[in-house]
Amino acid sequence: MTTLNVLFLCTHNSARSILSEALLNHMVTGASGTRFKAYSAGSSPRENQQPNPLGLQVLKSAGIDTSYLSSKSWDVFAKPDAPHMDLVITVCDNAAGEICPYWPGQPATAHWGYADPSAVEGTDEDRLQAFRHTMYLIQKRLQLLVDLPADKLQKAMLQHTAKELSQVHA
């Protein structure tokens, strides 16, 4: 079975896209014939941008490896030696409205918007809860993607399937 490369995009690549990358890779780890490999990037990460520590804490608490995660620009995936993307998903409204670089092979695209958990104010527990909630919503939609039959993931169907999943109320 062919592995589909999925790129999750957000503006800074510090919260939602990082959560999505880590979750999808965790969900398919150990599966024989892995159908997905997740990556993440940002349209304009800040200088020295790092994954949000609360996001990393929530992922670690769920038993998900975070050691390989880093914030990076989407330019990394537009280079000739970059992995070929089959599906590009924006997870924040800012990135959805931006002009994306040219992705070789014209991957399927979709927008799966989530509220920014790093924008939540309040106590540390309030902020952690926002990250947990966002992770839960992302995980619900990713589970639907992972559970799809192979025919829904073929190149001819992938664009339609990804957009259908954006309509699922997570």
N, C-alpha and C. Protein backbone atom coordinates (compact mmCIF):
# COMPACT_ATOMS: atom_id res chain seq x y z
N MET A 1 0.84 -1.18 0.00
CA MET A 1 0.00 0.00 0.00
C MET A 1 0.88 1.24 0.00
N THR A 2 0.49 2.23 -0.76
CA THR A 2 1.23 3.48 -0.86
C THR A 2 1.01 4.32 0.38
N THR A 3 2.07 4.94 0.85
CA THR A 3 1.97 5.87 1.98
C THR A 3 1.61 7.24 1.45
N LEU A 4 0.59 7.86 2.04
CA LEU A 4 0.19 9.21 1.67
C LEU A 4 0.89 10.19 2.60
N ASN A 5 1.59 11.15 2.02
CA ASN A 5 2.23 12.21 2.80
C ASN A 5 1.23 13.33 3.00
N VAL A 6 1.02 13.70 4.27
CA VAL A 6 0.04 14.73 4.62
C VAL A 6 0.79 15.88 5.29
N LEU A 7 0.59 17.10 4.77
CA LEU A 7 1.21 18.29 5.33
C LEU A 7 0.13 19.14 5.99
N PHE A 8 0.30 19.42 7.27
CA PHE A 8 -0.61 20.29 8.02
C PHE A 8 0.01 21.67 8.10
N LEU A 9 -0.75 22.69 7.71
CA LEU A 9 -0.25 24.05 7.69
C LEU A 9 -1.00 24.96 8.66
N CYS A 10 -0.25 25.83 9.30
CA CYS A 10 -0.79 26.88 10.14
C CYS A 10 0.15 28.07 10.00
N THR A 11 -0.20 29.19 10.55
CA THR A 11 0.61 30.38 10.37
C THR A 11 2.00 30.22 10.99
N HIS A 12 2.07 29.90 12.27
CA HIS A 12 3.36 29.86 12.97
C HIS A 12 3.93 28.45 13.15
N ASN A 13 3.16 27.42 12.86
CA ASN A 13 3.60 26.04 13.04
C ASN A 13 4.07 25.81 14.48
N SER A 14 3.18 26.19 15.42
CA SER A 14 3.55 25.99 16.83
C SER A 14 2.48 25.26 17.63
N ALA A 15 1.25 25.21 17.16
CA ALA A 15 0.19 24.59 17.96
C ALA A 15 -0.63 23.59 17.14
N ARG A 16 -1.63 24.07 16.39
CA ARG A 16 -2.56 23.16 15.71
C ARG A 16 -1.89 22.25 14.69
N SER A 17 -0.99 22.79 13.88
CA SER A 17 -0.32 21.96 12.88
C SER A 17 0.61 20.95 13.54
N ILE A 18 1.27 21.36 14.62
CA ILE A 18 2.15 20.45 15.38
C ILE A 18 1.31 19.33 16.00
N LEU A 19 0.18 19.69 16.62
CA LEU A 19 -0.71 18.68 17.20
C LEU A 19 -1.16 17.69 16.13
N SER A 20 -1.52 18.20 14.95
CA SER A 20 -2.01 17.34 13.86
C SER A 20 -0.93 16.38 13.38
N GLU A 21 0.28 16.91 13.19
CA GLU A 21 1.39 16.06 12.75
C GLU A 21 1.66 14.94 13.75
N ALA A 22 1.79 15.31 15.01
CA ALA A 22 2.11 14.32 16.05
C ALA A 22 0.99 13.29 16.20
N LEU A 23 -0.24 13.75 16.18
CA LEU A 23 -1.37 12.84 16.34
C LEU A 23 -1.46 11.83 15.21
N LEU A 24 -1.39 12.31 13.96
CA LEU A 24 -1.52 11.38 12.84
C LEU A 24 -0.37 10.38 12.84
N ASN A 25 0.84 10.84 13.06
CA ASN A 25 1.97 9.90 13.09
C ASN A 25 1.82 8.89 14.22
N HIS A 26 1.32 9.33 15.35
CA HIS A 26 1.11 8.42 16.49
C HIS A 26 0.01 7.39 16.18
N MET A 27 -1.05 7.85 15.52
CA MET A 27 -2.18 6.98 15.24
C MET A 27 -1.82 5.85 14.28
N VAL A 28 -0.82 6.08 13.43
CA VAL A 28 -0.47 5.06 12.44
C VAL A 28 0.83 4.34 12.78
N THR A 29 1.47 4.70 13.88
CA THR A 29 2.72 4.05 14.28
C THR A 29 2.48 2.58 14.55
N GLY A 30 3.33 1.77 14.00
CA GLY A 30 3.24 0.33 14.23
C GLY A 30 2.26 -0.38 13.32
N ALA A 31 1.45 0.37 12.59
CA ALA A 31 0.50 -0.26 11.67
C ALA A 31 1.28 -0.81 10.48
N SER A 32 1.01 -2.05 10.14
CA SER A 32 1.70 -2.62 8.98
C SER A 32 1.16 -1.95 7.73
N GLY A 33 2.04 -1.64 6.81
CA GLY A 33 1.61 -0.97 5.59
C GLY A 33 1.05 0.40 5.87
N THR A 34 1.75 1.18 6.68
CA THR A 34 1.28 2.51 7.08
C THR A 34 0.81 3.31 5.87
N ARG A 35 -0.40 3.85 5.98
CA ARG A 35 -0.98 4.58 4.87
C ARG A 35 -0.67 6.07 4.92
N PHE A 36 -0.15 6.59 6.05
CA PHE A 36 0.05 8.02 6.20
C PHE A 36 1.39 8.33 6.85
N LYS A 37 1.96 9.45 6.43
CA LYS A 37 3.12 10.04 7.09
C LYS A 37 2.81 11.52 7.17
N ALA A 38 2.80 12.06 8.39
CA ALA A 38 2.41 13.46 8.60
C ALA A 38 3.63 14.36 8.77
N TYR A 39 3.44 15.58 8.30
CA TYR A 39 4.42 16.65 8.43
C TYR A 39 3.65 17.91 8.80
N SER A 40 4.36 18.93 9.26
CA SER A 40 3.71 20.21 9.52
C SER A 40 4.66 21.34 9.18
N ALA A 41 4.07 22.51 8.92
CA ALA A 41 4.85 23.69 8.60
C ALA A 41 3.98 24.92 8.81
N GLY A 42 4.63 26.08 8.76
CA GLY A 42 3.92 27.34 8.92
C GLY A 42 4.17 28.27 7.74
N SER A 43 3.20 29.11 7.47
CA SER A 43 3.36 30.08 6.39
C SER A 43 4.33 31.18 6.79
N SER A 44 4.36 31.52 8.07
CA SER A 44 5.28 32.56 8.53
C SER A 44 5.66 32.34 9.99
N PRO A 45 6.42 31.28 10.25
CA PRO A 45 6.86 31.07 11.63
C PRO A 45 7.75 32.23 12.07
N ARG A 46 7.65 32.57 13.34
CA ARG A 46 8.50 33.64 13.87
C ARG A 46 9.95 33.17 13.93
N GLU A 47 10.86 34.11 13.98
CA GLU A 47 12.27 33.75 14.11
C GLU A 47 12.45 32.95 15.39
N ASN A 48 13.17 31.86 15.31
CA ASN A 48 13.40 30.95 16.45
C ASN A 48 12.11 30.35 17.00
N GLN A 49 11.09 30.22 16.15
CA GLN A 49 9.81 29.63 16.57
C GLN A 49 10.01 28.21 17.06
N GLN A 50 9.33 27.87 18.13
CA GLN A 50 9.37 26.53 18.69
C GLN A 50 7.93 26.05 18.87
N PRO A 51 7.71 24.73 18.90
CA PRO A 51 6.36 24.24 19.21
C PRO A 51 5.93 24.77 20.58
N ASN A 52 4.66 25.07 20.70
CA ASN A 52 4.11 25.60 21.96
C ASN A 52 4.33 24.58 23.08
N PRO A 53 4.93 25.00 24.20
CA PRO A 53 5.20 24.07 25.30
C PRO A 53 3.94 23.40 25.85
N LEU A 54 2.80 24.11 25.84
CA LEU A 54 1.56 23.50 26.33
C LEU A 54 1.09 22.40 25.37
N GLY A 55 1.26 22.63 24.09
CA GLY A 55 0.93 21.59 23.11
C GLY A 55 1.79 20.36 23.31
N LEU A 56 3.08 20.57 23.50
CA LEU A 56 3.99 19.45 23.74
C LEU A 56 3.62 18.72 25.03
N GLN A 57 3.26 19.47 26.06
CA GLN A 57 2.87 18.86 27.34
C GLN A 57 1.63 17.98 27.18
N VAL A 58 0.64 18.47 26.45
CA VAL A 58 -0.60 17.71 26.24
C VAL A 58 -0.31 16.44 25.43
N LEU A 59 0.52 16.57 24.41
CA LEU A 59 0.88 15.39 23.60
C LEU A 59 1.62 14.36 24.46
N LYS A 60 2.61 14.81 25.22
CA LYS A 60 3.37 13.89 26.08
C LYS A 60 2.46 13.21 27.09
N SER A 61 1.53 13.96 27.65
CA SER A 61 0.59 13.38 28.63
C SER A 61 -0.27 12.29 28.01
N ALA A 62 -0.48 12.39 26.69
CA ALA A 62 -1.26 11.38 25.97
C ALA A 62 -0.38 10.23 25.48
N GLY A 63 0.90 10.26 25.84
CA GLY A 63 1.81 9.19 25.44
C GLY A 63 2.31 9.30 24.01
N ILE A 64 2.31 10.51 23.47
CA ILE A 64 2.70 10.73 22.08
C ILE A 64 4.11 11.32 22.03
N ASP A 65 4.95 10.72 21.19
CA ASP A 65 6.33 11.17 21.02
C ASP A 65 6.36 12.58 20.44
N THR A 66 7.14 13.45 21.07
CA THR A 66 7.29 14.83 20.58
C THR A 66 8.74 15.14 20.22
N SER A 67 9.62 14.17 20.35
CA SER A 67 11.05 14.42 20.22
C SER A 67 11.45 14.93 18.83
N TYR A 68 10.70 14.61 17.81
CA TYR A 68 11.06 14.97 16.44
C TYR A 68 10.38 16.25 15.96
N LEU A 69 9.50 16.81 16.76
CA LEU A 69 8.70 17.96 16.32
C LEU A 69 9.52 19.25 16.32
N SER A 70 9.32 20.06 15.29
CA SER A 70 9.96 21.36 15.23
C SER A 70 9.10 22.29 14.38
N SER A 71 9.19 23.57 14.66
CA SER A 71 8.49 24.57 13.85
C SER A 71 9.36 24.90 12.65
N LYS A 72 8.73 24.96 11.47
CA LYS A 72 9.47 25.26 10.26
C LYS A 72 8.56 25.94 9.24
N SER A 73 9.19 26.58 8.28
CA SER A 73 8.46 27.26 7.22
C SER A 73 7.99 26.25 6.18
N TRP A 74 6.88 26.58 5.54
CA TRP A 74 6.39 25.71 4.48
C TRP A 74 7.34 25.69 3.29
N ASP A 75 8.26 26.66 3.22
CA ASP A 75 9.25 26.68 2.15
C ASP A 75 10.09 25.40 2.12
N VAL A 76 10.27 24.78 3.29
CA VAL A 76 11.03 23.53 3.39
C VAL A 76 10.42 22.45 2.48
N PHE A 77 9.09 22.46 2.36
CA PHE A 77 8.39 21.42 1.60
C PHE A 77 8.18 21.80 0.14
N ALA A 78 8.65 22.97 -0.25
CA ALA A 78 8.55 23.37 -1.65
C ALA A 78 9.88 23.15 -2.38
N LYS A 79 10.89 22.69 -1.65
CA LYS A 79 12.20 22.45 -2.25
C LYS A 79 12.18 21.16 -3.08
N PRO A 80 13.07 21.08 -4.07
CA PRO A 80 13.09 19.90 -4.95
C PRO A 80 13.34 18.58 -4.22
N ASP A 81 14.09 18.60 -3.13
CA ASP A 81 14.40 17.35 -2.42
C ASP A 81 13.40 17.03 -1.30
N ALA A 82 12.37 17.83 -1.18
CA ALA A 82 11.36 17.61 -0.13
C ALA A 82 10.47 16.42 -0.47
N PRO A 83 9.88 15.79 0.55
CA PRO A 83 8.94 14.70 0.27
C PRO A 83 7.76 15.23 -0.56
N HIS A 84 7.28 14.42 -1.46
CA HIS A 84 6.11 14.76 -2.28
C HIS A 84 4.86 14.69 -1.40
N MET A 85 4.06 15.73 -1.38
CA MET A 85 2.84 15.75 -0.58
C MET A 85 1.65 15.27 -1.41
N ASP A 86 0.83 14.44 -0.77
CA ASP A 86 -0.40 13.96 -1.41
C ASP A 86 -1.61 14.75 -0.95
N LEU A 87 -1.52 15.30 0.27
CA LEU A 87 -2.63 16.02 0.86
C LEU A 87 -2.06 17.16 1.70
N VAL A 88 -2.57 18.38 1.48
CA VAL A 88 -2.16 19.56 2.25
C VAL A 88 -3.41 20.10 2.93
N ILE A 89 -3.35 20.18 4.26
CA ILE A 89 -4.51 20.59 5.06
C ILE A 89 -4.14 21.80 5.90
N THR A 90 -4.87 22.90 5.71
CA THR A 90 -4.69 24.06 6.58
C THR A 90 -5.56 23.84 7.81
N VAL A 91 -5.02 24.18 8.97
CA VAL A 91 -5.75 23.96 10.22
C VAL A 91 -6.03 25.27 10.97
N CYS A 92 -5.66 26.40 10.35
CA CYS A 92 -6.03 27.69 10.93
C CYS A 92 -6.56 28.58 9.82
N ASP A 93 -7.43 29.49 10.19
CA ASP A 93 -8.07 30.32 9.18
C ASP A 93 -7.10 31.26 8.48
N ASN A 94 -6.07 31.73 9.18
CA ASN A 94 -5.10 32.62 8.53
C ASN A 94 -4.39 31.90 7.39
N ALA A 95 -3.89 30.70 7.64
CA ALA A 95 -3.16 29.96 6.61
C ALA A 95 -4.08 29.58 5.46
N ALA A 96 -5.35 29.36 5.74
CA ALA A 96 -6.30 28.97 4.68
C ALA A 96 -6.45 30.07 3.65
N GLY A 97 -6.33 31.33 4.08
CA GLY A 97 -6.52 32.45 3.17
C GLY A 97 -5.26 32.92 2.48
N GLU A 98 -4.13 32.32 2.80
CA GLU A 98 -2.87 32.75 2.22
C GLU A 98 -2.61 32.03 0.90
N ILE A 99 -1.81 32.67 0.07
CA ILE A 99 -1.43 32.05 -1.19
C ILE A 99 -0.32 31.05 -0.90
N CYS A 100 -0.61 29.79 -1.15
CA CYS A 100 0.34 28.72 -0.85
C CYS A 100 1.39 28.62 -1.95
N PRO A 101 2.55 28.12 -1.59
CA PRO A 101 3.55 27.87 -2.64
C PRO A 101 3.04 26.79 -3.58
N TYR A 102 3.70 26.67 -4.70
CA TYR A 102 3.37 25.61 -5.64
C TYR A 102 3.82 24.29 -5.04
N TRP A 103 2.91 23.34 -4.95
CA TRP A 103 3.24 22.01 -4.43
C TRP A 103 3.35 21.06 -5.62
N PRO A 104 4.54 20.51 -5.85
CA PRO A 104 4.70 19.58 -6.97
C PRO A 104 3.68 18.44 -6.90
N GLY A 105 3.15 18.07 -8.04
CA GLY A 105 2.20 16.97 -8.11
C GLY A 105 0.77 17.36 -7.81
N GLN A 106 0.53 18.63 -7.55
CA GLN A 106 -0.81 19.14 -7.25
C GLN A 106 -1.55 18.27 -6.24
N PRO A 107 -1.10 18.30 -4.98
CA PRO A 107 -1.78 17.48 -3.97
C PRO A 107 -3.20 17.96 -3.72
N ALA A 108 -4.00 17.05 -3.17
CA ALA A 108 -5.34 17.43 -2.73
C ALA A 108 -5.19 18.42 -1.58
N THR A 109 -6.15 19.32 -1.44
CA THR A 109 -6.10 20.31 -0.37
C THR A 109 -7.44 20.38 0.34
N ALA A 110 -7.38 20.78 1.60
CA ALA A 110 -8.60 20.98 2.38
C ALA A 110 -8.29 21.94 3.52
N HIS A 111 -9.34 22.54 4.05
CA HIS A 111 -9.21 23.40 5.23
C HIS A 111 -10.02 22.77 6.36
N TRP A 112 -9.32 22.43 7.44
CA TRP A 112 -9.95 21.90 8.64
C TRP A 112 -9.66 22.89 9.77
N GLY A 113 -10.47 23.91 9.90
CA GLY A 113 -10.19 24.97 10.86
C GLY A 113 -10.48 24.58 12.30
N TYR A 114 -9.57 25.00 13.17
CA TYR A 114 -9.71 24.81 14.62
C TYR A 114 -9.37 26.13 15.30
N ALA A 115 -10.04 26.42 16.39
CA ALA A 115 -9.71 27.61 17.18
C ALA A 115 -8.29 27.47 17.72
N ASP A 116 -7.61 28.60 17.85
CA ASP A 116 -6.22 28.59 18.31
C ASP A 116 -6.16 28.43 19.83
N PRO A 117 -5.69 27.27 20.30
CA PRO A 117 -5.63 27.08 21.75
C PRO A 117 -4.60 27.99 22.42
N SER A 118 -3.60 28.44 21.69
CA SER A 118 -2.60 29.32 22.29
C SER A 118 -3.13 30.73 22.50
N ALA A 119 -4.29 31.05 21.93
CA ALA A 119 -4.90 32.37 22.12
C ALA A 119 -5.77 32.43 23.38
N VAL A 120 -6.00 31.28 24.00
CA VAL A 120 -6.86 31.24 25.19
C VAL A 120 -6.12 31.88 26.37
N GLU A 121 -6.82 32.74 27.07
CA GLU A 121 -6.26 33.37 28.27
C GLU A 121 -6.89 32.75 29.49
N GLY A 122 -6.26 32.92 30.61
CA GLY A 122 -6.79 32.38 31.85
C GLY A 122 -5.70 31.67 32.63
N THR A 123 -6.12 30.77 33.48
CA THR A 123 -5.17 30.03 34.31
C THR A 123 -4.40 29.03 33.45
N ASP A 124 -3.34 28.50 34.03
CA ASP A 124 -2.58 27.46 33.33
C ASP A 124 -3.49 26.29 32.99
N GLU A 125 -4.39 25.94 33.90
CA GLU A 125 -5.31 24.83 33.66
C GLU A 125 -6.28 25.15 32.53
N ASP A 126 -6.76 26.40 32.45
CA ASP A 126 -7.64 26.81 31.36
C ASP A 126 -6.92 26.66 30.02
N ARG A 127 -5.67 27.08 29.99
CA ARG A 127 -4.90 27.02 28.76
C ARG A 127 -4.60 25.57 28.37
N LEU A 128 -4.24 24.74 29.34
CA LEU A 128 -4.02 23.32 29.07
C LEU A 128 -5.30 22.66 28.56
N GLN A 129 -6.41 23.02 29.15
CA GLN A 129 -7.69 22.45 28.72
C GLN A 129 -8.00 22.84 27.27
N ALA A 130 -7.65 24.05 26.88
CA ALA A 130 -7.86 24.47 25.49
C ALA A 130 -7.04 23.60 24.54
N PHE A 131 -5.81 23.29 24.92
CA PHE A 131 -4.98 22.41 24.08
C PHE A 131 -5.53 20.99 24.05
N ARG A 132 -5.99 20.50 25.20
CA ARG A 132 -6.59 19.15 25.23
C ARG A 132 -7.81 19.08 24.32
N HIS A 133 -8.65 20.12 24.39
CA HIS A 133 -9.88 20.15 23.59
C HIS A 133 -9.54 20.18 22.08
N THR A 134 -8.58 21.02 21.72
CA THR A 134 -8.17 21.09 20.31
C THR A 134 -7.60 19.76 19.85
N MET A 135 -6.78 19.15 20.68
CA MET A 135 -6.21 17.85 20.34
C MET A 135 -7.32 16.81 20.14
N TYR A 136 -8.32 16.84 21.00
CA TYR A 136 -9.45 15.91 20.89
C TYR A 136 -10.19 16.12 19.55
N LEU A 137 -10.46 17.37 19.20
CA LEU A 137 -11.17 17.65 17.94
C LEU A 137 -10.36 17.19 16.73
N ILE A 138 -9.07 17.47 16.75
CA ILE A 138 -8.21 17.04 15.65
C ILE A 138 -8.20 15.52 15.56
N GLN A 139 -8.06 14.87 16.70
CA GLN A 139 -7.99 13.41 16.73
C GLN A 139 -9.27 12.78 16.17
N LYS A 140 -10.42 13.35 16.48
CA LYS A 140 -11.69 12.82 15.95
C LYS A 140 -11.70 12.84 14.42
N ARG A 141 -11.28 13.96 13.83
CA ARG A 141 -11.29 14.06 12.37
C ARG A 141 -10.21 13.17 11.76
N LEU A 142 -9.05 13.11 12.39
CA LEU A 142 -7.97 12.25 11.87
C LEU A 142 -8.37 10.78 11.93
N GLN A 143 -9.12 10.39 12.95
CA GLN A 143 -9.57 8.99 13.04
C GLN A 143 -10.46 8.65 11.87
N LEU A 144 -11.31 9.59 11.47
CA LEU A 144 -12.16 9.37 10.29
C LEU A 144 -11.30 9.19 9.04
N LEU A 145 -10.25 9.99 8.92
CA LEU A 145 -9.34 9.87 7.78
C LEU A 145 -8.63 8.52 7.78
N VAL A 146 -8.09 8.14 8.92
CA VAL A 146 -7.35 6.88 9.04
C VAL A 146 -8.24 5.68 8.75
N ASP A 147 -9.50 5.77 9.12
CA ASP A 147 -10.43 4.65 8.95
C ASP A 147 -11.03 4.54 7.55
N LEU A 148 -10.75 5.48 6.68
CA LEU A 148 -11.32 5.45 5.33
C LEU A 148 -10.84 4.24 4.56
N PRO A 149 -11.72 3.69 3.72
CA PRO A 149 -11.29 2.59 2.85
C PRO A 149 -10.30 3.11 1.80
N ALA A 150 -9.46 2.24 1.31
CA ALA A 150 -8.39 2.61 0.38
C ALA A 150 -8.91 3.36 -0.85
N ASP A 151 -10.09 2.99 -1.35
CA ASP A 151 -10.57 3.65 -2.57
C ASP A 151 -10.86 5.13 -2.36
N LYS A 152 -11.18 5.54 -1.13
CA LYS A 152 -11.43 6.95 -0.83
C LYS A 152 -10.13 7.75 -0.76
N LEU A 153 -9.00 7.06 -0.72
CA LEU A 153 -7.71 7.72 -0.59
C LEU A 153 -6.91 7.73 -1.88
N GLN A 154 -7.50 7.20 -2.95
CA GLN A 154 -6.81 7.24 -4.24
C GLN A 154 -6.81 8.67 -4.75
N LYS A 155 -5.78 9.02 -5.51
CA LYS A 155 -5.59 10.40 -5.96
C LYS A 155 -6.86 11.00 -6.56
N ALA A 156 -7.59 10.25 -7.33
CA ALA A 156 -8.79 10.79 -7.98
C ALA A 156 -9.88 11.15 -6.97
N MET A 157 -9.90 10.50 -5.83
CA MET A 157 -10.94 10.73 -4.82
C MET A 157 -10.48 11.58 -3.65
N LEU A 158 -9.17 11.72 -3.47
CA LEU A 158 -8.63 12.33 -2.25
C LEU A 158 -9.10 13.77 -2.04
N GLN A 159 -9.16 14.57 -3.09
CA GLN A 159 -9.61 15.96 -2.95
C GLN A 159 -11.04 16.01 -2.41
N HIS A 160 -11.91 15.22 -3.00
CA HIS A 160 -13.31 15.18 -2.55
C HIS A 160 -13.41 14.68 -1.12
N THR A 161 -12.68 13.63 -0.79
CA THR A 161 -12.72 13.03 0.54
C THR A 161 -12.23 14.01 1.59
N ALA A 162 -11.12 14.70 1.33
CA ALA A 162 -10.56 15.66 2.30
C ALA A 162 -11.54 16.80 2.56
N LYS A 163 -12.18 17.29 1.51
CA LYS A 163 -13.15 18.37 1.69
C LYS A 163 -14.40 17.89 2.43
N GLU A 164 -14.82 16.66 2.17
CA GLU A 164 -15.96 16.09 2.91
C GLU A 164 -15.66 16.06 4.40
N LEU A 165 -14.45 15.66 4.76
CA LEU A 165 -14.08 15.60 6.17
C LEU A 165 -14.06 16.97 6.82
N SER A 166 -13.84 18.03 6.04
CA SER A 166 -13.86 19.37 6.60
C SER A 166 -15.27 19.76 7.05
N GLN A 167 -16.27 19.08 6.52
CA GLN A 167 -17.65 19.37 6.89
C GLN A 167 -18.10 18.63 8.15
N VAL A 168 -17.29 17.68 8.60
CA VAL A 168 -17.62 16.91 9.80
C VAL A 168 -17.44 17.83 11.00
N HIS A 169 -18.44 17.92 11.82
CA HIS A 169 -18.37 18.76 13.00
C HIS A 169 -17.62 18.04 14.10
N ALA A 170 -16.37 18.42 14.23
CA ALA A 170 -15.51 17.78 15.24
C ALA A 170 -15.77 18.41 16.60
